[in-house]
Structure formats: structure tokens, C-alpha cells
Amino acid sequence: MIKGDSLFGKREDRFRQDAKPVAPLAPPPAPAAVPAPSSTQYGINANAAHAPGSPKSDNLTPEGGSKLIVGPNIKLKGVEITDCDTLVVEGVVEATMDSRVIQIAQHGTFKGKVGIDVAEIHGAFEGELTARERLVVHSTGRVSGTIRYGRLVIEEGGHIDGNIEESPPGASHGARPAVAGTLNPSNV
């Protein structure tokens, strides 16, 4: 039978009243200023050409703009993307979007409806695409569906299939008749 004592000592010892107060910890020292690494320190040359199939974001992303990158092996489905200046698709996106720039990497896929200023396609797009200023389809790019564009650039090997309509900036979408069929620069 255990009375006033316990396995851990006398009761009075466990609740010492004469314990000294603990002094607060001193704040940690301020971190030393570290110079920002130069791009050549890591073997990156800002003026070097981009790897094939990777989006060229240097000249398209607005200064200080918001950017969403959907990386490889990521699937983003059933969303509406808003307030995003640049969307970079390296995985799979099924969404609607109205923004400034979309860049689809070589292994990326976008399915849905997009209203955009500039579209740069290295991978695949399916759905309704309105590129108000410029649509660039690279040699590995595939675009299908309803396509409207201000200016169109297709590299040899790039492919566009569906209802295609030129709509100069400021023009209504019904101003010119749509072209139905396949447009492939290697056939021209």
C-alpha cells in the first residue's frame, strides 16, 4: 500500500515550491548577409537557349506577375483558374482559364476552355482555345478543338486540328468564317 510516498519519491519533493525561476532564452543571433548567387555559379547562363520542350518563360511572364506551375506527374482536374498571369503545364490540367499566358511543356496536356493573350504549346491542348494576341505551336505541339487566334506561328511538325478562326485583336469572334479541318505546316 502506498501512502504519502510514491514510486517517484516523496510527494513534497515532486512539487517543490523553492524552485528557481528560469531565465528567458536570449534571441538568436542575426543571420549573416549572404550575397545572392550568380546564375553562372550553378552553370546557368541567362542568355543560353532553353532546352527543347521547355517553356520559354523569360520573355512571357509579366514582371512580378503570378505564376502557377503544374509539375510533371501532377493532375489538376475540374478547376477554374483565375488571377494567374502565367500557367505552366508540365503535367495534366483539365480546367477553364482566362489569363495572360499559358505555356504547355512537351509532355504537358491541357483539356478545357482557355481565354488567353499568349499561348505557347510544346505539348497537347484539347478544347476551346482563344489566343487573343498570339498562338505559337512548336514542332512537338498538338492543338485540337475550337481555336481562335490573333497571330499564328506554327513550327514545322506542329499540328492544329479542328475549327480554326483568325480573330485580329479587337475584332469580334464572328467577324470571319471558321476554317474546318487540319492545318499542318509540313503539308503546306
C-alpha atoms as a PDB file:
ATOM      1  CA  MET A   1       0.000   0.000   0.000  1.00  0.00           C
ATOM      2  CA  ILE A   2       1.360   3.377  -0.969  1.00  0.00           C
ATOM      3  CA  LYS A   3       0.743   6.178   1.466  1.00  0.00           C
ATOM      4  CA  GLY A   4       2.133   9.708   1.075  1.00  0.00           C
ATOM      5  CA  ASP A   5       5.153   8.405  -0.748  1.00  0.00           C
ATOM      6  CA  SER A   6       5.089   7.190  -4.300  1.00  0.00           C
ATOM      7  CA  LEU A   7       7.361   5.321  -6.587  1.00  0.00           C
ATOM      8  CA  PHE A   8       8.826   8.625  -7.756  1.00  0.00           C
ATOM      9  CA  GLY A   9       9.796   9.983  -4.338  1.00  0.00           C
ATOM     10  CA  LYS A  10       8.024  11.835  -1.585  1.00  0.00           C
ATOM     11  CA  ARG A  11       5.023  13.867  -2.548  1.00  0.00           C
ATOM     12  CA  GLU A  12       6.587  17.057  -1.295  1.00  0.00           C
ATOM     13  CA  ASP A  13       9.665  16.522  -3.494  1.00  0.00           C
ATOM     14  CA  ARG A  14       7.594  16.356  -6.650  1.00  0.00           C
ATOM     15  CA  PHE A  15       6.077  19.788  -6.160  1.00  0.00           C
ATOM     16  CA  ARG A  16       8.987  21.875  -4.938  1.00  0.00           C
ATOM     17  CA  GLN A  17       7.975  25.358  -4.054  1.00  0.00           C
ATOM     18  CA  ASP A  18      11.511  26.706  -3.808  1.00  0.00           C
ATOM     19  CA  ALA A  19      12.427  26.144  -7.468  1.00  0.00           C
ATOM     20  CA  LYS A  20      14.366  28.970  -9.063  1.00  0.00           C
ATOM     21  CA  PRO A  21      12.699  30.810 -11.995  1.00  0.00           C
ATOM     22  CA  VAL A  22      14.137  30.041 -15.410  1.00  0.00           C
ATOM     23  CA  ALA A  23      15.659  32.989 -17.284  1.00  0.00           C
ATOM     24  CA  PRO A  24      14.264  33.589 -20.796  1.00  0.00           C
ATOM     25  CA  LEU A  25      16.405  32.448 -23.687  1.00  0.00           C
ATOM     26  CA  ALA A  26      18.479  35.041 -25.496  1.00  0.00           C
ATOM     27  CA  PRO A  27      17.303  35.822 -29.053  1.00  0.00           C
ATOM     28  CA  PRO A  28      19.255  34.003 -31.769  1.00  0.00           C
ATOM     29  CA  PRO A  29      21.991  35.969 -33.485  1.00  0.00           C
ATOM     30  CA  ALA A  30      21.019  37.742 -36.711  1.00  0.00           C
ATOM     31  CA  PRO A  31      21.925  35.767 -39.837  1.00  0.00           C
ATOM     32  CA  ALA A  32      24.926  36.995 -41.734  1.00  0.00           C
ATOM     33  CA  ALA A  33      24.219  38.639 -45.063  1.00  0.00           C
ATOM     34  CA  VAL A  34      24.810  36.158 -47.847  1.00  0.00           C
ATOM     35  CA  PRO A  35      25.344  37.515 -51.349  1.00  0.00           C
ATOM     36  CA  ALA A  36      22.861  36.258 -53.923  1.00  0.00           C
ATOM     37  CA  PRO A  37      24.352  33.523 -56.091  1.00  0.00           C
ATOM     38  CA  SER A  38      25.109  34.448 -59.642  1.00  0.00           C
ATOM     39  CA  SER A  39      23.375  32.456 -62.352  1.00  0.00           C
ATOM     40  CA  THR A  40      26.709  31.235 -63.694  1.00  0.00           C
ATOM     41  CA  GLN A  41      27.628  29.863 -60.244  1.00  0.00           C
ATOM     42  CA  TYR A  42      25.237  26.975 -60.877  1.00  0.00           C
ATOM     43  CA  GLY A  43      26.073  26.565 -64.540  1.00  0.00           C
ATOM     44  CA  ILE A  44      23.061  28.540 -65.701  1.00  0.00           C
ATOM     45  CA  ASN A  45      23.503  31.140 -68.381  1.00  0.00           C
ATOM     46  CA  ALA A  46      20.592  33.545 -68.605  1.00  0.00           C
ATOM     47  CA  ASN A  47      21.390  34.128 -72.279  1.00  0.00           C
ATOM     48  CA  ALA A  48      21.592  30.419 -73.152  1.00  0.00           C
ATOM     49  CA  ALA A  49      18.915  28.792 -75.262  1.00  0.00           C
ATOM     50  CA  HIS A  50      16.213  26.853 -73.459  1.00  0.00           C
ATOM     51  CA  ALA A  51      16.138  23.083 -73.584  1.00  0.00           C
ATOM     52  CA  PRO A  52      13.841  21.669 -76.258  1.00  0.00           C
ATOM     53  CA  GLY A  53      10.332  21.172 -74.972  1.00  0.00           C
ATOM     54  CA  SER A  54      10.703  23.516 -72.016  1.00  0.00           C
ATOM     55  CA  PRO A  55       8.638  26.683 -71.930  1.00  0.00           C
ATOM     56  CA  LYS A  56      10.491  29.937 -72.559  1.00  0.00           C
ATOM     57  CA  SER A  57       9.129  31.921 -69.648  1.00  0.00           C
ATOM     58  CA  ASP A  58      11.810  34.645 -69.567  1.00  0.00           C
ATOM     59  CA  ASN A  59      10.111  36.834 -72.143  1.00  0.00           C
ATOM     60  CA  LEU A  60       6.489  35.938 -71.468  1.00  0.00           C
ATOM     61  CA  THR A  61       5.981  36.193 -67.703  1.00  0.00           C
ATOM     62  CA  PRO A  62       4.916  39.689 -66.685  1.00  0.00           C
ATOM     63  CA  GLU A  63       7.279  41.386 -64.264  1.00  0.00           C
ATOM     64  CA  GLY A  64       6.152  40.484 -60.749  1.00  0.00           C
ATOM     65  CA  GLY A  65       3.153  38.552 -62.097  1.00  0.00           C
ATOM     66  CA  SER A  66       1.670  35.452 -60.545  1.00  0.00           C
ATOM     67  CA  LYS A  67       2.744  32.098 -61.948  1.00  0.00           C
ATOM     68  CA  LEU A  68       1.303  28.622 -61.423  1.00  0.00           C
ATOM     69  CA  ILE A  69       3.389  25.598 -62.385  1.00  0.00           C
ATOM     70  CA  VAL A  70       1.693  22.208 -62.611  1.00  0.00           C
ATOM     71  CA  GLY A  71       4.664  19.865 -62.499  1.00  0.00           C
ATOM     72  CA  PRO A  72       5.205  16.518 -64.196  1.00  0.00           C
ATOM     73  CA  ASN A  73       3.076  13.613 -62.896  1.00  0.00           C
ATOM     74  CA  ILE A  74       0.551  16.060 -61.384  1.00  0.00           C
ATOM     75  CA  LYS A  75      -3.097  16.030 -62.498  1.00  0.00           C
ATOM     76  CA  LEU A  76      -5.253  19.070 -61.814  1.00  0.00           C
ATOM     77  CA  LYS A  77      -8.866  18.391 -62.719  1.00  0.00           C
ATOM     78  CA  GLY A  78     -12.168  20.267 -62.639  1.00  0.00           C
ATOM     79  CA  VAL A  79     -10.986  23.724 -61.637  1.00  0.00           C
ATOM     80  CA  GLU A  80     -11.348  27.314 -62.753  1.00  0.00           C
ATOM     81  CA  ILE A  81      -8.017  29.124 -62.782  1.00  0.00           C
ATOM     82  CA  THR A  82      -8.257  32.857 -62.118  1.00  0.00           C
ATOM     83  CA  ASP A  83      -5.851  35.658 -61.226  1.00  0.00           C
ATOM     84  CA  CYS A  84      -2.893  33.754 -62.655  1.00  0.00           C
ATOM     85  CA  ASP A  85      -0.697  35.699 -65.065  1.00  0.00           C
ATOM     86  CA  THR A  86       1.185  32.625 -66.320  1.00  0.00           C
ATOM     87  CA  LEU A  87       0.240  28.947 -66.214  1.00  0.00           C
ATOM     88  CA  VAL A  88       2.978  26.419 -66.961  1.00  0.00           C
ATOM     89  CA  VAL A  89       1.649  22.916 -67.637  1.00  0.00           C
ATOM     90  CA  GLU A  90       4.124  20.050 -67.303  1.00  0.00           C
ATOM     91  CA  GLY A  91       1.521  17.512 -66.108  1.00  0.00           C
ATOM     92  CA  VAL A  92      -2.202  17.257 -66.936  1.00  0.00           C
ATOM     93  CA  VAL A  93      -4.721  20.066 -66.379  1.00  0.00           C
ATOM     94  CA  GLU A  94      -8.475  19.872 -67.028  1.00  0.00           C
ATOM     95  CA  ALA A  95      -9.823  23.344 -66.344  1.00  0.00           C
ATOM     96  CA  THR A  96     -11.181  26.652 -67.554  1.00  0.00           C
ATOM     97  CA  MET A  97      -8.934  29.676 -67.519  1.00  0.00           C
ATOM     98  CA  ASP A  98      -8.909  33.332 -68.522  1.00  0.00           C
ATOM     99  CA  SER A  99      -5.484  34.853 -68.121  1.00  0.00           C
ATOM    100  CA  ARG A 100      -2.437  36.268 -69.888  1.00  0.00           C
ATOM    101  CA  VAL A 101      -0.025  33.429 -70.752  1.00  0.00           C
ATOM    102  CA  ILE A 102      -0.211  29.638 -70.955  1.00  0.00           C
ATOM    103  CA  GLN A 103       2.839  27.510 -71.624  1.00  0.00           C
ATOM    104  CA  ILE A 104       2.370  23.794 -72.202  1.00  0.00           C
ATOM    105  CA  ALA A 105       5.607  21.793 -71.934  1.00  0.00           C
ATOM    106  CA  GLN A 106       6.399  18.933 -74.295  1.00  0.00           C
ATOM    107  CA  HIS A 107       4.892  16.263 -72.011  1.00  0.00           C
ATOM    108  CA  GLY A 108       2.129  18.521 -70.664  1.00  0.00           C
ATOM    109  CA  THR A 109      -1.561  18.321 -71.556  1.00  0.00           C
ATOM    110  CA  PHE A 110      -4.342  20.874 -71.111  1.00  0.00           C
ATOM    111  CA  LYS A 111      -8.005  19.977 -71.670  1.00  0.00           C
ATOM    112  CA  GLY A 112     -10.682  22.606 -71.349  1.00  0.00           C
ATOM    113  CA  LYS A 113     -11.513  26.172 -72.235  1.00  0.00           C
ATOM    114  CA  VAL A 114      -8.925  28.945 -72.269  1.00  0.00           C
ATOM    115  CA  GLY A 115      -9.088  32.659 -72.999  1.00  0.00           C
ATOM    116  CA  ILE A 116      -5.506  33.869 -73.071  1.00  0.00           C
ATOM    117  CA  ASP A 117      -3.302  36.606 -74.508  1.00  0.00           C
ATOM    118  CA  VAL A 118      -0.374  34.355 -75.497  1.00  0.00           C
ATOM    119  CA  ALA A 119      -0.367  30.551 -75.818  1.00  0.00           C
ATOM    120  CA  GLU A 120       2.875  28.642 -76.324  1.00  0.00           C
ATOM    121  CA  ILE A 121       2.290  24.952 -76.999  1.00  0.00           C
ATOM    122  CA  HIS A 122       5.050  22.316 -76.871  1.00  0.00           C
ATOM    123  CA  GLY A 123       2.676  19.563 -75.677  1.00  0.00           C
ATOM    124  CA  ALA A 124      -1.044  18.929 -76.210  1.00  0.00           C
ATOM    125  CA  PHE A 125      -4.130  21.142 -75.984  1.00  0.00           C
ATOM    126  CA  GLU A 126      -7.703  19.858 -76.415  1.00  0.00           C
ATOM    127  CA  GLY A 127     -10.796  22.033 -76.176  1.00  0.00           C
ATOM    128  CA  GLU A 128     -11.573  25.667 -76.824  1.00  0.00           C
ATOM    129  CA  LEU A 129      -8.572  27.975 -77.129  1.00  0.00           C
ATOM    130  CA  THR A 130      -8.749  31.715 -77.702  1.00  0.00           C
ATOM    131  CA  ALA A 131      -5.297  33.294 -78.027  1.00  0.00           C
ATOM    132  CA  ARG A 132      -6.158  36.976 -78.272  1.00  0.00           C
ATOM    133  CA  GLU A 133      -2.660  38.099 -79.301  1.00  0.00           C
ATOM    134  CA  ARG A 134      -0.531  35.115 -80.354  1.00  0.00           C
ATOM    135  CA  LEU A 135      -0.677  31.329 -80.621  1.00  0.00           C
ATOM    136  CA  VAL A 136       2.674  29.546 -81.002  1.00  0.00           C
ATOM    137  CA  VAL A 137       2.616  25.823 -81.786  1.00  0.00           C
ATOM    138  CA  HIS A 138       6.093  24.295 -81.587  1.00  0.00           C
ATOM    139  CA  SER A 139       7.250  21.249 -83.539  1.00  0.00           C
ATOM    140  CA  THR A 140       6.100  18.881 -80.765  1.00  0.00           C
ATOM    141  CA  GLY A 141       2.826  20.763 -80.166  1.00  0.00           C
ATOM    142  CA  ARG A 142      -0.652  19.397 -80.888  1.00  0.00           C
ATOM    143  CA  VAL A 143      -3.754  21.605 -80.683  1.00  0.00           C
ATOM    144  CA  SER A 144      -7.270  20.328 -81.341  1.00  0.00           C
ATOM    145  CA  GLY A 145     -10.757  21.724 -80.896  1.00  0.00           C
ATOM    146  CA  THR A 146     -12.062  25.242 -81.463  1.00  0.00           C
ATOM    147  CA  ILE A 147      -9.131  27.585 -81.964  1.00  0.00           C
ATOM    148  CA  ARG A 148      -9.186  31.384 -82.286  1.00  0.00           C
ATOM    149  CA  TYR A 149      -6.033  33.430 -82.596  1.00  0.00           C
ATOM    150  CA  GLY A 150      -4.753  36.948 -83.245  1.00  0.00           C
ATOM    151  CA  ARG A 151      -1.454  35.827 -84.799  1.00  0.00           C
ATOM    152  CA  LEU A 152      -0.427  32.236 -85.508  1.00  0.00           C
ATOM    153  CA  VAL A 153       3.060  30.721 -85.554  1.00  0.00           C
ATOM    154  CA  ILE A 154       3.480  27.011 -86.302  1.00  0.00           C
ATOM    155  CA  GLU A 155       6.885  25.345 -86.374  1.00  0.00           C
ATOM    156  CA  GLU A 156       7.415  22.524 -88.842  1.00  0.00           C
ATOM    157  CA  GLY A 157       5.888  19.412 -87.298  1.00  0.00           C
ATOM    158  CA  GLY A 158       3.397  21.344 -85.171  1.00  0.00           C
ATOM    159  CA  HIS A 159      -0.225  20.286 -85.628  1.00  0.00           C
ATOM    160  CA  ILE A 160      -3.603  22.062 -85.391  1.00  0.00           C
ATOM    161  CA  ASP A 161      -6.898  20.246 -85.936  1.00  0.00           C
ATOM    162  CA  GLY A 162     -10.489  21.464 -85.578  1.00  0.00           C
ATOM    163  CA  ASN A 163     -12.422  24.681 -86.162  1.00  0.00           C
ATOM    164  CA  ILE A 164      -9.809  27.359 -86.685  1.00  0.00           C
ATOM    165  CA  GLU A 165     -10.633  31.053 -86.768  1.00  0.00           C
ATOM    166  CA  GLU A 166      -8.418  34.088 -87.107  1.00  0.00           C
ATOM    167  CA  SER A 167      -9.681  36.910 -84.947  1.00  0.00           C
ATOM    168  CA  PRO A 168      -7.478  40.004 -85.038  1.00  0.00           C
ATOM    169  CA  PRO A 169      -7.171  41.908 -81.739  1.00  0.00           C
ATOM    170  CA  GLY A 170     -10.307  43.979 -81.154  1.00  0.00           C
ATOM    171  CA  ALA A 171     -12.415  42.039 -83.666  1.00  0.00           C
ATOM    172  CA  SER A 172     -15.499  40.121 -82.657  1.00  0.00           C
ATOM    173  CA  HIS A 173     -15.284  36.332 -82.869  1.00  0.00           C
ATOM    174  CA  GLY A 174     -17.969  36.154 -85.549  1.00  0.00           C
ATOM    175  CA  ALA A 175     -16.217  38.538 -87.980  1.00  0.00           C
ATOM    176  CA  ARG A 176     -14.548  35.852 -90.124  1.00  0.00           C
ATOM    177  CA  PRO A 177     -15.744  32.439 -91.157  1.00  0.00           C
ATOM    178  CA  ALA A 178     -14.173  29.494 -89.359  1.00  0.00           C
ATOM    179  CA  VAL A 179     -11.891  27.111 -91.198  1.00  0.00           C
ATOM    180  CA  ALA A 180     -12.702  23.482 -90.523  1.00  0.00           C
ATOM    181  CA  GLY A 181     -10.078  20.822 -90.929  1.00  0.00           C
ATOM    182  CA  THR A 182      -6.451  20.151 -90.192  1.00  0.00           C
ATOM    183  CA  LEU A 183      -3.619  22.632 -90.532  1.00  0.00           C
ATOM    184  CA  ASN A 184      -0.178  21.105 -90.544  1.00  0.00           C
ATOM    185  CA  PRO A 185       2.734  23.166 -91.930  1.00  0.00           C
ATOM    186  CA  SER A 186       4.506  20.087 -93.257  1.00  0.00           C
ATOM    187  CA  ASN A 187       1.589  19.578 -95.683  1.00  0.00           C
ATOM    188  CA  VAL A 188       1.667  23.164 -96.980  1.00  0.00           C
END
